Amino acid sequence: MSTSVVWITGASSGIGEALVYEFAKSGYQAIISSRKKESLERVKSKTVDPNNIFVLPLDLSDSGNFDEIAAQAIAAFGHVDILINNGGISQRSLAVDTKLEVDRKIMEVNYFGSIALSKAILPHFIARKNGHFGVISSLVGKFGSPYRSSYAGAKHALHGFFDSLRAENFRENIKVTMICPGFIKTNVSINALTGDGSPLNEMDDAQNKGMSPEACAKAIRKGMESHKLEILVGGKETMAVYLKRWFPGVFAKLIQKAKVR
């Protein structure tokens, strides 16, 4: 039986980097992608067996060559079993202060980039009657939060697309796991865009106190190997999903007062 191959975007830092190490030590071969080739090479060098890692740079905002990139990914180890759509950018600004081009940029990277890459690899999955999409959404893919309107909108859109994709392709043994992290201690808030498109350059207090990327990556791998439809990852903030579902009025009042920055 061939070794399972996972393709991870946004693999040069944060959750993506932790996922590379987690899957590599669990015996997977990995294709790792982001815009930063030097950072990807650094990640590759730190894995248990760099020979099982293939560096494949890509820019999620430039999807015109994704069919060619998917072909390179398939050729690296002969097949791809899993695509984890992890790459993306966050936001920290009020809707009223956020320029429309920032909304568009976040949607282009977080939504269109992920679905374009998924569509590029989907025919390979269908032909093999085997494939698994892991989609890094967010808790704000389940509910909106202040300072994250554009980010929440893009993450909500991913749920709609991939729920449909799952329903359309279950006969071809195509699986989809939606992954909703809460506060994970990464640089996501530092790199988040503000209303004019410039980076925030600050660590959110809640982010700084969050779960480690390593613990997050382990939970994701285990959840995907169990073929879960959805994984909530984080601390007590994950309970907000259930609060919104069962007590939407209470949730609405609490989120207005929540300290989310």
C-alpha atoms as a PDB file:
ATOM      1  CA  MET A   1       0.000   0.000   0.000  1.00  0.00           C
ATOM      2  CA  SER A   2       1.413   3.425  -0.999  1.00  0.00           C
ATOM      3  CA  THR A   3       2.239   6.093   1.566  1.00  0.00           C
ATOM      4  CA  SER A   4      -0.455   8.710   2.023  1.00  0.00           C
ATOM      5  CA  VAL A   5       0.384  12.117   0.549  1.00  0.00           C
ATOM      6  CA  VAL A   6      -0.890  15.362   2.074  1.00  0.00           C
ATOM      7  CA  TRP A   7      -0.669  18.762   0.380  1.00  0.00           C
ATOM      8  CA  ILE A   8      -0.684  21.698   2.825  1.00  0.00           C
ATOM      9  CA  THR A   9      -1.014  25.361   1.870  1.00  0.00           C
ATOM     10  CA  GLY A  10       0.115  28.183   4.134  1.00  0.00           C
ATOM     11  CA  ALA A  11       2.801  25.744   5.259  1.00  0.00           C
ATOM     12  CA  SER A  12       5.573  28.228   6.031  1.00  0.00           C
ATOM     13  CA  SER A  13       4.283  29.342   9.448  1.00  0.00           C
ATOM     14  CA  GLY A  14       1.617  28.978  12.128  1.00  0.00           C
ATOM     15  CA  ILE A  15      -0.911  26.165  11.928  1.00  0.00           C
ATOM     16  CA  GLY A  16       0.328  25.166   8.478  1.00  0.00           C
ATOM     17  CA  GLU A  17       3.909  24.688   9.644  1.00  0.00           C
ATOM     18  CA  ALA A  18       2.726  22.693  12.659  1.00  0.00           C
ATOM     19  CA  LEU A  19       0.612  20.519  10.350  1.00  0.00           C
ATOM     20  CA  VAL A  20       3.679  19.705   8.243  1.00  0.00           C
ATOM     21  CA  TYR A  21       5.582  18.413  11.284  1.00  0.00           C
ATOM     22  CA  GLU A  22       2.537  16.558  12.637  1.00  0.00           C
ATOM     23  CA  PHE A  23       1.760  14.713   9.409  1.00  0.00           C
ATOM     24  CA  ALA A  24       5.441  14.072   8.645  1.00  0.00           C
ATOM     25  CA  LYS A  25       6.102  12.401  11.995  1.00  0.00           C
ATOM     26  CA  SER A  26       2.951  10.333  11.479  1.00  0.00           C
ATOM     27  CA  GLY A  27       4.431   8.789   8.319  1.00  0.00           C
ATOM     28  CA  TYR A  28       2.906  10.923   5.573  1.00  0.00           C
ATOM     29  CA  GLN A  29       4.685  12.347   2.567  1.00  0.00           C
ATOM     30  CA  ALA A  30       3.933  16.049   2.253  1.00  0.00           C
ATOM     31  CA  ILE A  31       3.773  18.711  -0.420  1.00  0.00           C
ATOM     32  CA  ILE A  32       4.161  22.095   1.228  1.00  0.00           C
ATOM     33  CA  SER A  33       3.082  25.387  -0.312  1.00  0.00           C
ATOM     34  CA  SER A  34       3.080  29.114   0.407  1.00  0.00           C
ATOM     35  CA  ARG A  35       4.493  32.206  -1.280  1.00  0.00           C
ATOM     36  CA  LYS A  36       7.738  32.001   0.732  1.00  0.00           C
ATOM     37  CA  LYS A  37      10.102  29.439  -0.797  1.00  0.00           C
ATOM     38  CA  GLU A  38      12.935  30.088   1.702  1.00  0.00           C
ATOM     39  CA  SER A  39      10.583  29.575   4.650  1.00  0.00           C
ATOM     40  CA  LEU A  40       9.255  26.379   3.079  1.00  0.00           C
ATOM     41  CA  GLU A  41      12.820  25.081   2.706  1.00  0.00           C
ATOM     42  CA  ARG A  42      13.384  25.849   6.393  1.00  0.00           C
ATOM     43  CA  VAL A  43      10.282  23.885   7.350  1.00  0.00           C
ATOM     44  CA  LYS A  44      11.347  20.993   5.124  1.00  0.00           C
ATOM     45  CA  SER A  45      14.791  20.858   6.771  1.00  0.00           C
ATOM     46  CA  LYS A  46      13.188  20.528  10.230  1.00  0.00           C
ATOM     47  CA  THR A  47      11.002  17.513   9.402  1.00  0.00           C
ATOM     48  CA  VAL A  48      11.854  13.948  10.428  1.00  0.00           C
ATOM     49  CA  ASP A  49      12.719  12.988   6.819  1.00  0.00           C
ATOM     50  CA  PRO A  50      13.156  15.869   4.365  1.00  0.00           C
ATOM     51  CA  ASN A  51      13.160  13.352   1.496  1.00  0.00           C
ATOM     52  CA  ASN A  52       9.434  12.930   2.105  1.00  0.00           C
ATOM     53  CA  ILE A  53       8.772  16.657   1.688  1.00  0.00           C
ATOM     54  CA  PHE A  54       8.260  18.426  -1.660  1.00  0.00           C
ATOM     55  CA  VAL A  55       8.399  22.223  -1.751  1.00  0.00           C
ATOM     56  CA  LEU A  56       5.878  23.745  -4.161  1.00  0.00           C
ATOM     57  CA  PRO A  57       5.526  27.548  -3.893  1.00  0.00           C
ATOM     58  CA  LEU A  58       2.233  29.146  -4.890  1.00  0.00           C
ATOM     59  CA  ASP A  59       0.318  32.381  -4.421  1.00  0.00           C
ATOM     60  CA  LEU A  60      -3.353  31.875  -3.541  1.00  0.00           C
ATOM     61  CA  SER A  61      -4.196  35.301  -4.970  1.00  0.00           C
ATOM     62  CA  ASP A  62      -2.936  34.238  -8.419  1.00  0.00           C
ATOM     63  CA  SER A  63      -4.902  31.142  -9.439  1.00  0.00           C
ATOM     64  CA  GLY A  64      -4.298  31.247 -13.189  1.00  0.00           C
ATOM     65  CA  ASN A  65      -1.685  28.460 -13.108  1.00  0.00           C
ATOM     66  CA  PHE A  66      -3.258  26.177 -10.500  1.00  0.00           C
ATOM     67  CA  ASP A  67      -3.903  23.339 -12.974  1.00  0.00           C
ATOM     68  CA  GLU A  68      -0.171  23.287 -13.732  1.00  0.00           C
ATOM     69  CA  ILE A  69       0.721  23.486 -10.033  1.00  0.00           C
ATOM     70  CA  ALA A  70      -1.697  20.635  -9.233  1.00  0.00           C
ATOM     71  CA  ALA A  71       0.001  18.542 -11.920  1.00  0.00           C
ATOM     72  CA  GLN A  72       3.371  19.224 -10.252  1.00  0.00           C
ATOM     73  CA  ALA A  73       1.915  18.208  -6.886  1.00  0.00           C
ATOM     74  CA  ILE A  74       0.608  14.925  -8.313  1.00  0.00           C
ATOM     75  CA  ALA A  75       3.950  14.211 -10.009  1.00  0.00           C
ATOM     76  CA  ALA A  76       5.937  14.795  -6.803  1.00  0.00           C
ATOM     77  CA  PHE A  77       4.974  11.463  -5.201  1.00  0.00           C
ATOM     78  CA  GLY A  78       2.714   9.971  -7.896  1.00  0.00           C
ATOM     79  CA  HIS A  79      -0.589  10.950  -6.291  1.00  0.00           C
ATOM     80  CA  VAL A  80      -2.227  13.212  -3.716  1.00  0.00           C
ATOM     81  CA  ASP A  81      -4.602  11.879  -1.067  1.00  0.00           C
ATOM     82  CA  ILE A  82      -5.331  14.987   1.015  1.00  0.00           C
ATOM     83  CA  LEU A  83      -5.400  18.722   0.334  1.00  0.00           C
ATOM     84  CA  ILE A  84      -5.455  20.939   3.405  1.00  0.00           C
ATOM     85  CA  ASN A  85      -6.524  24.448   2.435  1.00  0.00           C
ATOM     86  CA  ASN A  86      -4.811  26.348   5.224  1.00  0.00           C
ATOM     87  CA  GLY A  87      -3.341  29.414   3.519  1.00  0.00           C
ATOM     88  CA  GLY A  88      -5.039  32.743   4.124  1.00  0.00           C
ATOM     89  CA  ILE A  89      -4.997  36.183   5.695  1.00  0.00           C
ATOM     90  CA  SER A  90      -6.984  37.629   8.580  1.00  0.00           C
ATOM     91  CA  GLN A  91      -8.448  41.043   9.360  1.00  0.00           C
ATOM     92  CA  ARG A  92      -8.736  43.398  12.318  1.00  0.00           C
ATOM     93  CA  SER A  93     -10.875  46.401  11.406  1.00  0.00           C
ATOM     94  CA  LEU A  94     -14.419  47.663  11.697  1.00  0.00           C
ATOM     95  CA  ALA A  95     -16.577  47.209   8.607  1.00  0.00           C
ATOM     96  CA  VAL A  96     -17.182  50.950   8.367  1.00  0.00           C
ATOM     97  CA  ASP A  97     -13.411  51.563   8.244  1.00  0.00           C
ATOM     98  CA  THR A  98     -12.538  48.756   5.818  1.00  0.00           C
ATOM     99  CA  LYS A  99     -11.928  49.675   2.200  1.00  0.00           C
ATOM    100  CA  LEU A 100     -13.709  47.519  -0.356  1.00  0.00           C
ATOM    101  CA  GLU A 101     -10.403  46.482  -1.920  1.00  0.00           C
ATOM    102  CA  VAL A 102      -9.447  44.933   1.430  1.00  0.00           C
ATOM    103  CA  ASP A 103     -12.717  42.953   1.467  1.00  0.00           C
ATOM    104  CA  ARG A 104     -11.942  41.793  -2.072  1.00  0.00           C
ATOM    105  CA  LYS A 105      -8.342  40.840  -1.244  1.00  0.00           C
ATOM    106  CA  ILE A 106      -9.395  38.739   1.737  1.00  0.00           C
ATOM    107  CA  MET A 107     -12.084  37.010  -0.320  1.00  0.00           C
ATOM    108  CA  GLU A 108      -9.649  36.433  -3.213  1.00  0.00           C
ATOM    109  CA  VAL A 109      -7.084  34.700  -1.001  1.00  0.00           C
ATOM    110  CA  ASN A 110      -9.217  32.954   1.616  1.00  0.00           C
ATOM    111  CA  TYR A 111     -12.122  31.879  -0.588  1.00  0.00           C
ATOM    112  CA  PHE A 112     -11.334  31.976  -4.298  1.00  0.00           C
ATOM    113  CA  GLY A 113      -7.736  30.799  -3.814  1.00  0.00           C
ATOM    114  CA  SER A 114      -8.823  27.765  -1.810  1.00  0.00           C
ATOM    115  CA  ILE A 115     -11.672  26.761  -4.114  1.00  0.00           C
ATOM    116  CA  ALA A 116      -9.537  27.273  -7.232  1.00  0.00           C
ATOM    117  CA  LEU A 117      -6.840  24.954  -5.884  1.00  0.00           C
ATOM    118  CA  SER A 118      -9.469  22.448  -4.778  1.00  0.00           C
ATOM    119  CA  LYS A 119     -11.055  22.449  -8.244  1.00  0.00           C
ATOM    120  CA  ALA A 120      -7.610  21.888  -9.766  1.00  0.00           C
ATOM    121  CA  ILE A 121      -7.006  18.705  -7.710  1.00  0.00           C
ATOM    122  CA  LEU A 122     -10.626  17.450  -7.676  1.00  0.00           C
ATOM    123  CA  PRO A 123     -10.456  15.580 -11.038  1.00  0.00           C
ATOM    124  CA  HIS A 124      -7.456  13.629  -9.689  1.00  0.00           C
ATOM    125  CA  PHE A 125      -9.428  12.702  -6.564  1.00  0.00           C
ATOM    126  CA  ILE A 126     -12.440  11.641  -8.635  1.00  0.00           C
ATOM    127  CA  ALA A 127     -10.309   9.572 -11.028  1.00  0.00           C
ATOM    128  CA  ARG A 128      -8.772   7.705  -8.085  1.00  0.00           C
ATOM    129  CA  LYS A 129     -12.089   7.406  -6.219  1.00  0.00           C
ATOM    130  CA  ASN A 130     -10.231   8.736  -3.224  1.00  0.00           C
ATOM    131  CA  GLY A 131      -9.586  12.195  -1.852  1.00  0.00           C
ATOM    132  CA  HIS A 132      -9.958  14.287   1.263  1.00  0.00           C
ATOM    133  CA  PHE A 133     -10.226  18.060   1.605  1.00  0.00           C
ATOM    134  CA  GLY A 134      -9.297  19.609   4.934  1.00  0.00           C
ATOM    135  CA  VAL A 135     -10.493  23.209   5.012  1.00  0.00           C
ATOM    136  CA  ILE A 136      -9.121  25.532   7.666  1.00  0.00           C
ATOM    137  CA  SER A 137     -12.066  27.785   8.399  1.00  0.00           C
ATOM    138  CA  SER A 138     -12.401  29.439  11.812  1.00  0.00           C
ATOM    139  CA  LEU A 139     -14.893  29.741  14.622  1.00  0.00           C
ATOM    140  CA  VAL A 140     -15.892  32.935  12.808  1.00  0.00           C
ATOM    141  CA  GLY A 141     -16.816  30.704   9.894  1.00  0.00           C
ATOM    142  CA  LYS A 142     -19.693  29.700  12.193  1.00  0.00           C
ATOM    143  CA  PHE A 143     -20.551  33.122  13.604  1.00  0.00           C
ATOM    144  CA  GLY A 144     -19.607  36.751  12.988  1.00  0.00           C
ATOM    145  CA  SER A 145     -17.380  38.721  15.330  1.00  0.00           C
ATOM    146  CA  PRO A 146     -16.443  42.401  15.616  1.00  0.00           C
ATOM    147  CA  TYR A 147     -13.325  43.498  13.685  1.00  0.00           C
ATOM    148  CA  ARG A 148     -13.534  40.438  11.421  1.00  0.00           C
ATOM    149  CA  SER A 149     -16.402  41.133   9.004  1.00  0.00           C
ATOM    150  CA  SER A 150     -14.441  40.432   5.789  1.00  0.00           C
ATOM    151  CA  TYR A 151     -12.641  37.446   7.304  1.00  0.00           C
ATOM    152  CA  ALA A 152     -15.871  35.980   8.698  1.00  0.00           C
ATOM    153  CA  GLY A 153     -17.586  36.480   5.344  1.00  0.00           C
ATOM    154  CA  ALA A 154     -14.867  34.578   3.476  1.00  0.00           C
ATOM    155  CA  LYS A 155     -14.839  31.760   6.031  1.00  0.00           C
ATOM    156  CA  HIS A 156     -18.643  31.452   5.961  1.00  0.00           C
ATOM    157  CA  ALA A 157     -18.403  31.149   2.166  1.00  0.00           C
ATOM    158  CA  LEU A 158     -16.000  28.215   2.474  1.00  0.00           C
ATOM    159  CA  HIS A 159     -18.578  26.280   4.496  1.00  0.00           C
ATOM    160  CA  GLY A 160     -21.217  26.772   1.831  1.00  0.00           C
ATOM    161  CA  PHE A 161     -18.934  25.724  -1.015  1.00  0.00           C
ATOM    162  CA  PHE A 162     -17.400  22.668   0.638  1.00  0.00           C
ATOM    163  CA  ASP A 163     -20.673  21.399   2.121  1.00  0.00           C
ATOM    164  CA  SER A 164     -21.997  21.411  -1.459  1.00  0.00           C
ATOM    165  CA  LEU A 165     -18.832  19.774  -2.801  1.00  0.00           C
ATOM    166  CA  ARG A 166     -19.125  16.996  -0.211  1.00  0.00           C
ATOM    167  CA  ALA A 167     -22.746  16.314  -1.152  1.00  0.00           C
ATOM    168  CA  GLU A 168     -21.935  16.238  -4.855  1.00  0.00           C
ATOM    169  CA  ASN A 169     -18.978  13.861  -4.655  1.00  0.00           C
ATOM    170  CA  PHE A 170     -19.686  11.371  -1.865  1.00  0.00           C
ATOM    171  CA  ARG A 171     -20.178   8.559  -4.422  1.00  0.00           C
ATOM    172  CA  GLU A 172     -16.587   9.120  -5.578  1.00  0.00           C
ATOM    173  CA  ASN A 173     -15.361   8.679  -1.980  1.00  0.00           C
ATOM    174  CA  ILE A 174     -14.412  12.345  -1.694  1.00  0.00           C
ATOM    175  CA  LYS A 175     -14.369  13.520   1.928  1.00  0.00           C
ATOM    176  CA  VAL A 176     -14.476  17.039   3.353  1.00  0.00           C
ATOM    177  CA  THR A 177     -13.508  18.052   6.879  1.00  0.00           C
ATOM    178  CA  MET A 178     -14.272  21.621   7.899  1.00  0.00           C
ATOM    179  CA  ILE A 179     -11.803  22.753  10.566  1.00  0.00           C
ATOM    180  CA  CYS A 180     -12.710  25.675  12.831  1.00  0.00           C
ATOM    181  CA  PRO A 181      -9.851  26.876  15.047  1.00  0.00           C
ATOM    182  CA  GLY A 182     -10.461  29.355  17.833  1.00  0.00           C
ATOM    183  CA  PHE A 183      -7.609  31.207  19.494  1.00  0.00           C
ATOM    184  CA  ILE A 184      -4.358  29.557  18.398  1.00  0.00           C
ATOM    185  CA  LYS A 185      -1.015  31.129  19.337  1.00  0.00           C
ATOM    186  CA  THR A 186       0.259  32.106  15.882  1.00  0.00           C
ATOM    187  CA  ASN A 187       1.156  35.345  14.106  1.00  0.00           C
ATOM    188  CA  VAL A 188      -2.230  35.475  12.356  1.00  0.00           C
ATOM    189  CA  SER A 189      -3.248  38.661  14.167  1.00  0.00           C
ATOM    190  CA  ILE A 190       0.148  40.301  13.608  1.00  0.00           C
ATOM    191  CA  ASN A 191      -0.212  39.753   9.855  1.00  0.00           C
ATOM    192  CA  ALA A 192      -3.935  40.614   9.794  1.00  0.00           C
ATOM    193  CA  LEU A 193      -5.017  43.428   7.489  1.00  0.00           C
ATOM    194  CA  THR A 194      -6.447  46.653   8.856  1.00  0.00           C
ATOM    195  CA  GLY A 195      -9.015  48.824   7.120  1.00  0.00           C
ATOM    196  CA  ASP A 196      -6.566  50.358   4.656  1.00  0.00           C
ATOM    197  CA  GLY A 197      -4.864  47.048   3.861  1.00  0.00           C
ATOM    198  CA  SER A 198      -1.765  47.551   6.041  1.00  0.00           C
ATOM    199  CA  PRO A 199      -0.809  44.818   8.549  1.00  0.00           C
ATOM    200  CA  LEU A 200      -1.890  45.188  12.176  1.00  0.00           C
ATOM    201  CA  ASN A 201       1.596  44.303  13.506  1.00  0.00           C
ATOM    202  CA  GLU A 202       0.164  43.487  16.936  1.00  0.00           C
ATOM    203  CA  MET A 203      -0.504  40.223  18.749  1.00  0.00           C
ATOM    204  CA  ASP A 204      -4.071  39.886  20.002  1.00  0.00           C
ATOM    205  CA  ASP A 205      -4.173  39.191  23.731  1.00  0.00           C
ATOM    206  CA  ALA A 206      -6.601  36.298  23.221  1.00  0.00           C
ATOM    207  CA  GLN A 207      -4.365  34.883  20.470  1.00  0.00           C
ATOM    208  CA  ASN A 208      -1.311  35.121  22.717  1.00  0.00           C
ATOM    209  CA  LYS A 209      -3.083  33.044  25.378  1.00  0.00           C
ATOM    210  CA  GLY A 210      -4.438  30.515  22.887  1.00  0.00           C
ATOM    211  CA  MET A 211      -3.758  26.860  22.171  1.00  0.00           C
ATOM    212  CA  SER A 212      -0.332  25.963  20.774  1.00  0.00           C
ATOM    213  CA  PRO A 213      -0.096  25.307  17.017  1.00  0.00           C
ATOM    214  CA  GLU A 214       1.285  21.850  17.799  1.00  0.00           C
ATOM    215  CA  ALA A 215      -1.767  20.846  19.861  1.00  0.00           C
ATOM    216  CA  CYS A 216      -4.011  22.303  17.169  1.00  0.00           C
ATOM    217  CA  ALA A 217      -2.241  20.335  14.414  1.00  0.00           C
ATOM    218  CA  LYS A 218      -2.524  17.089  16.363  1.00  0.00           C
ATOM    219  CA  ALA A 219      -6.262  17.590  16.868  1.00  0.00           C
ATOM    220  CA  ILE A 220      -6.668  18.311  13.159  1.00  0.00           C
ATOM    221  CA  ARG A 221      -4.765  15.193  12.064  1.00  0.00           C
ATOM    222  CA  LYS A 222      -6.730  12.963  14.424  1.00  0.00           C
ATOM    223  CA  GLY A 223     -10.029  14.482  13.350  1.00  0.00           C
ATOM    224  CA  MET A 224      -9.228  14.078   9.667  1.00  0.00           C
ATOM    225  CA  GLU A 225      -8.092  10.493  10.117  1.00  0.00           C
ATOM    226  CA  SER A 226     -11.461   9.850  11.808  1.00  0.00           C
ATOM    227  CA  HIS A 227     -13.153  11.408   8.761  1.00  0.00           C
ATOM    228  CA  LYS A 228     -14.997  13.962  10.863  1.00  0.00           C
ATOM    229  CA  LEU A 229     -17.223  16.367   8.955  1.00  0.00           C
ATOM    230  CA  GLU A 230     -16.264  19.268  11.220  1.00  0.00           C
ATOM    231  CA  ILE A 231     -13.664  19.895  13.906  1.00  0.00           C
ATOM    232  CA  LEU A 232     -13.788  22.685  16.485  1.00  0.00           C
ATOM    233  CA  VAL A 233     -10.292  23.360  17.856  1.00  0.00           C
ATOM    234  CA  GLY A 234      -9.414  25.614  20.776  1.00  0.00           C
ATOM    235  CA  GLY A 235     -10.440  26.322  24.341  1.00  0.00           C
ATOM    236  CA  LYS A 236     -13.678  27.475  25.884  1.00  0.00           C
ATOM    237  CA  GLU A 237     -14.267  29.834  22.947  1.00  0.00           C
ATOM    238  CA  THR A 238     -15.440  26.811  20.916  1.00  0.00           C
ATOM    239  CA  MET A 239     -18.567  26.711  23.102  1.00  0.00           C
ATOM    240  CA  ALA A 240     -19.721  29.880  21.339  1.00  0.00           C
ATOM    241  CA  VAL A 241     -20.707  27.723  18.348  1.00  0.00           C
ATOM    242  CA  TYR A 242     -23.238  25.841  20.472  1.00  0.00           C
ATOM    243  CA  LEU A 243     -24.382  29.004  22.239  1.00  0.00           C
ATOM    244  CA  LYS A 244     -25.153  30.616  18.885  1.00  0.00           C
ATOM    245  CA  ARG A 245     -26.986  27.500  17.693  1.00  0.00           C
ATOM    246  CA  TRP A 246     -29.218  27.020  20.720  1.00  0.00           C
ATOM    247  CA  PHE A 247     -29.428  30.510  22.263  1.00  0.00           C
ATOM    248  CA  PRO A 248     -28.918  32.985  19.406  1.00  0.00           C
ATOM    249  CA  GLY A 249     -30.360  35.933  21.320  1.00  0.00           C
ATOM    250  CA  VAL A 250     -28.018  35.405  24.268  1.00  0.00           C
ATOM    251  CA  PHE A 251     -25.090  34.936  21.896  1.00  0.00           C
ATOM    252  CA  ALA A 252     -25.903  38.174  20.035  1.00  0.00           C
ATOM    253  CA  LYS A 253     -25.751  40.178  23.265  1.00  0.00           C
ATOM    254  CA  LEU A 254     -22.530  38.527  24.440  1.00  0.00           C
ATOM    255  CA  ILE A 255     -20.630  38.956  21.159  1.00  0.00           C
ATOM    256  CA  GLN A 256     -21.406  42.689  21.220  1.00  0.00           C
ATOM    257  CA  LYS A 257     -19.468  42.991  24.477  1.00  0.00           C
ATOM    258  CA  ALA A 258     -16.774  40.386  23.836  1.00  0.00           C
ATOM    259  CA  LYS A 259     -13.134  41.452  24.042  1.00  0.00           C
ATOM    260  CA  VAL A 260     -11.979  40.103  20.714  1.00  0.00           C
ATOM    261  CA  ARG A 261      -8.885  42.269  20.231  1.00  0.00           C
END
